[in-house]
Amino acid sequence: MVLAILAIATASVTLAMRDPDRQALQRDAERLAAYLESGRAWSRSSGQPLRWVAQDGGYQFLGRQPAQLPERWLNEEVSVEWPASPGPKELVLGPEPILAAQALTLRLREQRLRLASDGLQPFAVRQP
């Protein structure tokens, strides 16, 4: 009985401990998803095209004032991995109401999270 209680307690503590890299990557991924949707809404309402590109240590929105949205990761070690497709390494955020499906993967050391949209639904954070 005592061993069963210790096993349950150990499992609970292990599950409660979260990987700090995973938490940091989750924050950056959710933040980026919100900025992408904000940019998508701006592009659609203004009728102006907007693109998102990754850069060393950050990213850039092309087609709008650079000071309107942040362009740095919360954790400087976050990097972007693109699908192995021949197309440009950027996200197109509008102004069309329905876009092509788009995705990218964010990486922080050994952790990875995927941001994707089917072109109609908002960008969402998913497991790769």
C-alpha atoms as a PDB file:
ATOM      1  CA  MET A   1       0.000   0.000   0.000  1.00  0.00           C
ATOM      2  CA  VAL A   2       2.776   2.410   0.929  1.00  0.00           C
ATOM      3  CA  LEU A   3       4.581   1.627  -2.325  1.00  0.00           C
ATOM      4  CA  ALA A   4       1.434   2.356  -4.322  1.00  0.00           C
ATOM      5  CA  ILE A   5       1.033   5.739  -2.630  1.00  0.00           C
ATOM      6  CA  LEU A   6       4.708   6.574  -3.297  1.00  0.00           C
ATOM      7  CA  ALA A   7       4.339   5.555  -6.942  1.00  0.00           C
ATOM      8  CA  ILE A   8       1.269   7.763  -7.383  1.00  0.00           C
ATOM      9  CA  ALA A   9       2.951  10.690  -5.632  1.00  0.00           C
ATOM     10  CA  THR A  10       6.080  10.331  -7.770  1.00  0.00           C
ATOM     11  CA  ALA A  11       4.028  10.185 -10.962  1.00  0.00           C
ATOM     12  CA  SER A  12       2.071  13.283  -9.912  1.00  0.00           C
ATOM     13  CA  VAL A  13       5.246  15.270  -9.215  1.00  0.00           C
ATOM     14  CA  THR A  14       6.758  14.175 -12.537  1.00  0.00           C
ATOM     15  CA  LEU A  15       3.675  15.265 -14.448  1.00  0.00           C
ATOM     16  CA  ALA A  16       3.539  18.567 -12.580  1.00  0.00           C
ATOM     17  CA  MET A  17       7.134  19.428 -13.515  1.00  0.00           C
ATOM     18  CA  ARG A  18       7.081  21.141 -16.891  1.00  0.00           C
ATOM     19  CA  ASP A  19      10.045  21.544 -19.141  1.00  0.00           C
ATOM     20  CA  PRO A  20      11.062  25.247 -19.082  1.00  0.00           C
ATOM     21  CA  ASP A  21      12.011  25.109 -22.777  1.00  0.00           C
ATOM     22  CA  ARG A  22       8.568  23.739 -23.607  1.00  0.00           C
ATOM     23  CA  GLN A  23       6.896  26.521 -21.612  1.00  0.00           C
ATOM     24  CA  ALA A  24       9.038  29.215 -23.262  1.00  0.00           C
ATOM     25  CA  LEU A  25       8.337  27.825 -26.731  1.00  0.00           C
ATOM     26  CA  GLN A  26       4.608  27.585 -25.965  1.00  0.00           C
ATOM     27  CA  ARG A  27       4.572  31.278 -24.958  1.00  0.00           C
ATOM     28  CA  ASP A  28       6.354  32.336 -28.154  1.00  0.00           C
ATOM     29  CA  ALA A  29       4.109  30.129 -30.302  1.00  0.00           C
ATOM     30  CA  GLU A  30       0.873  31.437 -28.774  1.00  0.00           C
ATOM     31  CA  ARG A  31       2.146  35.006 -29.010  1.00  0.00           C
ATOM     32  CA  LEU A  32       3.067  34.567 -32.671  1.00  0.00           C
ATOM     33  CA  ALA A  33      -0.309  32.969 -33.461  1.00  0.00           C
ATOM     34  CA  ALA A  34      -2.041  36.023 -31.949  1.00  0.00           C
ATOM     35  CA  TYR A  35       0.181  38.436 -33.938  1.00  0.00           C
ATOM     36  CA  LEU A  36      -0.416  36.501 -37.159  1.00  0.00           C
ATOM     37  CA  GLU A  37      -4.165  36.724 -36.652  1.00  0.00           C
ATOM     38  CA  SER A  38      -3.875  40.412 -35.803  1.00  0.00           C
ATOM     39  CA  GLY A  39      -1.890  40.967 -38.987  1.00  0.00           C
ATOM     40  CA  ARG A  40      -4.368  38.913 -40.974  1.00  0.00           C
ATOM     41  CA  ALA A  41      -7.257  41.053 -39.676  1.00  0.00           C
ATOM     42  CA  TRP A  42      -5.342  44.263 -40.436  1.00  0.00           C
ATOM     43  CA  SER A  43      -4.544  43.096 -43.958  1.00  0.00           C
ATOM     44  CA  ARG A  44      -8.111  42.136 -44.689  1.00  0.00           C
ATOM     45  CA  SER A  45      -9.613  45.345 -43.279  1.00  0.00           C
ATOM     46  CA  SER A  46      -7.073  47.623 -44.983  1.00  0.00           C
ATOM     47  CA  GLY A  47      -6.961  45.722 -48.264  1.00  0.00           C
ATOM     48  CA  GLN A  48      -3.158  45.838 -48.085  1.00  0.00           C
ATOM     49  CA  PRO A  49      -1.057  42.681 -48.540  1.00  0.00           C
ATOM     50  CA  LEU A  50       0.942  41.547 -45.518  1.00  0.00           C
ATOM     51  CA  ARG A  51       3.665  38.906 -45.316  1.00  0.00           C
ATOM     52  CA  TRP A  52       5.552  37.410 -42.366  1.00  0.00           C
ATOM     53  CA  VAL A  53       9.179  36.313 -42.678  1.00  0.00           C
ATOM     54  CA  ALA A  54      11.585  34.852 -40.136  1.00  0.00           C
ATOM     55  CA  GLN A  55      14.923  36.513 -39.460  1.00  0.00           C
ATOM     56  CA  ASP A  56      17.862  35.770 -37.177  1.00  0.00           C
ATOM     57  CA  GLY A  57      16.592  36.275 -33.631  1.00  0.00           C
ATOM     58  CA  GLY A  58      13.141  37.382 -34.708  1.00  0.00           C
ATOM     59  CA  TYR A  59      10.791  38.019 -37.573  1.00  0.00           C
ATOM     60  CA  GLN A  60       9.330  40.811 -39.647  1.00  0.00           C
ATOM     61  CA  PHE A  61       5.937  41.793 -40.975  1.00  0.00           C
ATOM     62  CA  LEU A  62       6.329  43.151 -44.499  1.00  0.00           C
ATOM     63  CA  GLY A  63       3.679  45.549 -45.721  1.00  0.00           C
ATOM     64  CA  ARG A  64       2.917  47.480 -42.539  1.00  0.00           C
ATOM     65  CA  GLN A  65       4.668  49.852 -40.161  1.00  0.00           C
ATOM     66  CA  PRO A  66       7.432  47.849 -38.427  1.00  0.00           C
ATOM     67  CA  ALA A  67       6.774  49.452 -35.018  1.00  0.00           C
ATOM     68  CA  GLN A  68       3.156  48.245 -34.862  1.00  0.00           C
ATOM     69  CA  LEU A  69       3.953  44.631 -33.949  1.00  0.00           C
ATOM     70  CA  PRO A  70       6.946  43.186 -32.073  1.00  0.00           C
ATOM     71  CA  GLU A  71       9.620  41.543 -34.180  1.00  0.00           C
ATOM     72  CA  ARG A  72      11.622  39.642 -31.556  1.00  0.00           C
ATOM     73  CA  TRP A  73      11.097  36.278 -29.899  1.00  0.00           C
ATOM     74  CA  LEU A  74      10.673  36.257 -26.139  1.00  0.00           C
ATOM     75  CA  ASN A  75      13.472  33.662 -26.098  1.00  0.00           C
ATOM     76  CA  GLU A  76      16.276  34.558 -28.511  1.00  0.00           C
ATOM     77  CA  GLU A  77      17.057  30.890 -29.189  1.00  0.00           C
ATOM     78  CA  VAL A  78      13.730  30.206 -30.902  1.00  0.00           C
ATOM     79  CA  SER A  79      14.143  29.339 -34.574  1.00  0.00           C
ATOM     80  CA  VAL A  80      11.799  28.614 -37.468  1.00  0.00           C
ATOM     81  CA  GLU A  81      11.729  25.425 -39.526  1.00  0.00           C
ATOM     82  CA  TRP A  82       9.802  25.517 -42.795  1.00  0.00           C
ATOM     83  CA  PRO A  83       8.135  22.585 -44.530  1.00  0.00           C
ATOM     84  CA  ALA A  84      10.284  21.046 -47.265  1.00  0.00           C
ATOM     85  CA  SER A  85       8.415  22.722 -50.104  1.00  0.00           C
ATOM     86  CA  PRO A  86       9.882  24.664 -53.018  1.00  0.00           C
ATOM     87  CA  GLY A  87       7.819  27.799 -52.302  1.00  0.00           C
ATOM     88  CA  PRO A  88       8.940  30.982 -50.560  1.00  0.00           C
ATOM     89  CA  LYS A  89       9.752  30.834 -46.860  1.00  0.00           C
ATOM     90  CA  GLU A  90       7.090  33.267 -45.721  1.00  0.00           C
ATOM     91  CA  LEU A  91       3.490  33.410 -44.565  1.00  0.00           C
ATOM     92  CA  VAL A  92       1.006  35.396 -46.621  1.00  0.00           C
ATOM     93  CA  LEU A  93      -1.588  36.992 -44.339  1.00  0.00           C
ATOM     94  CA  GLY A  94      -3.931  38.624 -46.788  1.00  0.00           C
ATOM     95  CA  PRO A  95      -5.800  40.617 -47.901  1.00  0.00           C
ATOM     96  CA  GLU A  96      -7.872  37.766 -49.372  1.00  0.00           C
ATOM     97  CA  PRO A  97     -10.420  36.308 -46.905  1.00  0.00           C
ATOM     98  CA  ILE A  98      -9.468  32.707 -47.757  1.00  0.00           C
ATOM     99  CA  LEU A  99      -5.766  31.914 -48.025  1.00  0.00           C
ATOM    100  CA  ALA A 100      -3.753  28.837 -48.934  1.00  0.00           C
ATOM    101  CA  ALA A 101      -2.977  26.436 -46.086  1.00  0.00           C
ATOM    102  CA  GLN A 102       0.250  27.498 -44.358  1.00  0.00           C
ATOM    103  CA  ALA A 103       2.444  26.108 -41.589  1.00  0.00           C
ATOM    104  CA  LEU A 104       5.783  26.465 -39.884  1.00  0.00           C
ATOM    105  CA  THR A 105       7.516  24.811 -36.942  1.00  0.00           C
ATOM    106  CA  LEU A 106       9.066  26.716 -34.057  1.00  0.00           C
ATOM    107  CA  ARG A 107      12.047  25.126 -32.345  1.00  0.00           C
ATOM    108  CA  LEU A 108      13.760  25.785 -29.042  1.00  0.00           C
ATOM    109  CA  ARG A 109      16.587  23.343 -28.451  1.00  0.00           C
ATOM    110  CA  GLU A 110      14.890  19.902 -28.513  1.00  0.00           C
ATOM    111  CA  GLN A 111      11.321  21.218 -28.309  1.00  0.00           C
ATOM    112  CA  ARG A 112       9.164  21.821 -31.383  1.00  0.00           C
ATOM    113  CA  LEU A 113       5.690  23.261 -31.904  1.00  0.00           C
ATOM    114  CA  ARG A 114       3.841  23.717 -35.181  1.00  0.00           C
ATOM    115  CA  LEU A 115       1.766  26.760 -36.123  1.00  0.00           C
ATOM    116  CA  ALA A 116      -0.688  26.091 -38.900  1.00  0.00           C
ATOM    117  CA  SER A 117      -3.795  27.404 -40.609  1.00  0.00           C
ATOM    118  CA  ASP A 118      -5.896  25.750 -43.272  1.00  0.00           C
ATOM    119  CA  GLY A 119      -6.397  29.196 -44.833  1.00  0.00           C
ATOM    120  CA  LEU A 120      -9.821  29.723 -43.326  1.00  0.00           C
ATOM    121  CA  GLN A 121      -9.328  28.912 -39.630  1.00  0.00           C
ATOM    122  CA  PRO A 122      -7.014  30.981 -37.397  1.00  0.00           C
ATOM    123  CA  PHE A 123      -3.400  29.960 -36.899  1.00  0.00           C
ATOM    124  CA  ALA A 124      -3.249  27.418 -34.086  1.00  0.00           C
ATOM    125  CA  VAL A 125      -0.427  25.868 -32.063  1.00  0.00           C
ATOM    126  CA  ARG A 126      -0.132  22.108 -32.540  1.00  0.00           C
ATOM    127  CA  GLN A 127       2.291  19.314 -31.809  1.00  0.00           C
ATOM    128  CA  PRO A 128       4.563  18.600 -34.814  1.00  0.00           C
END
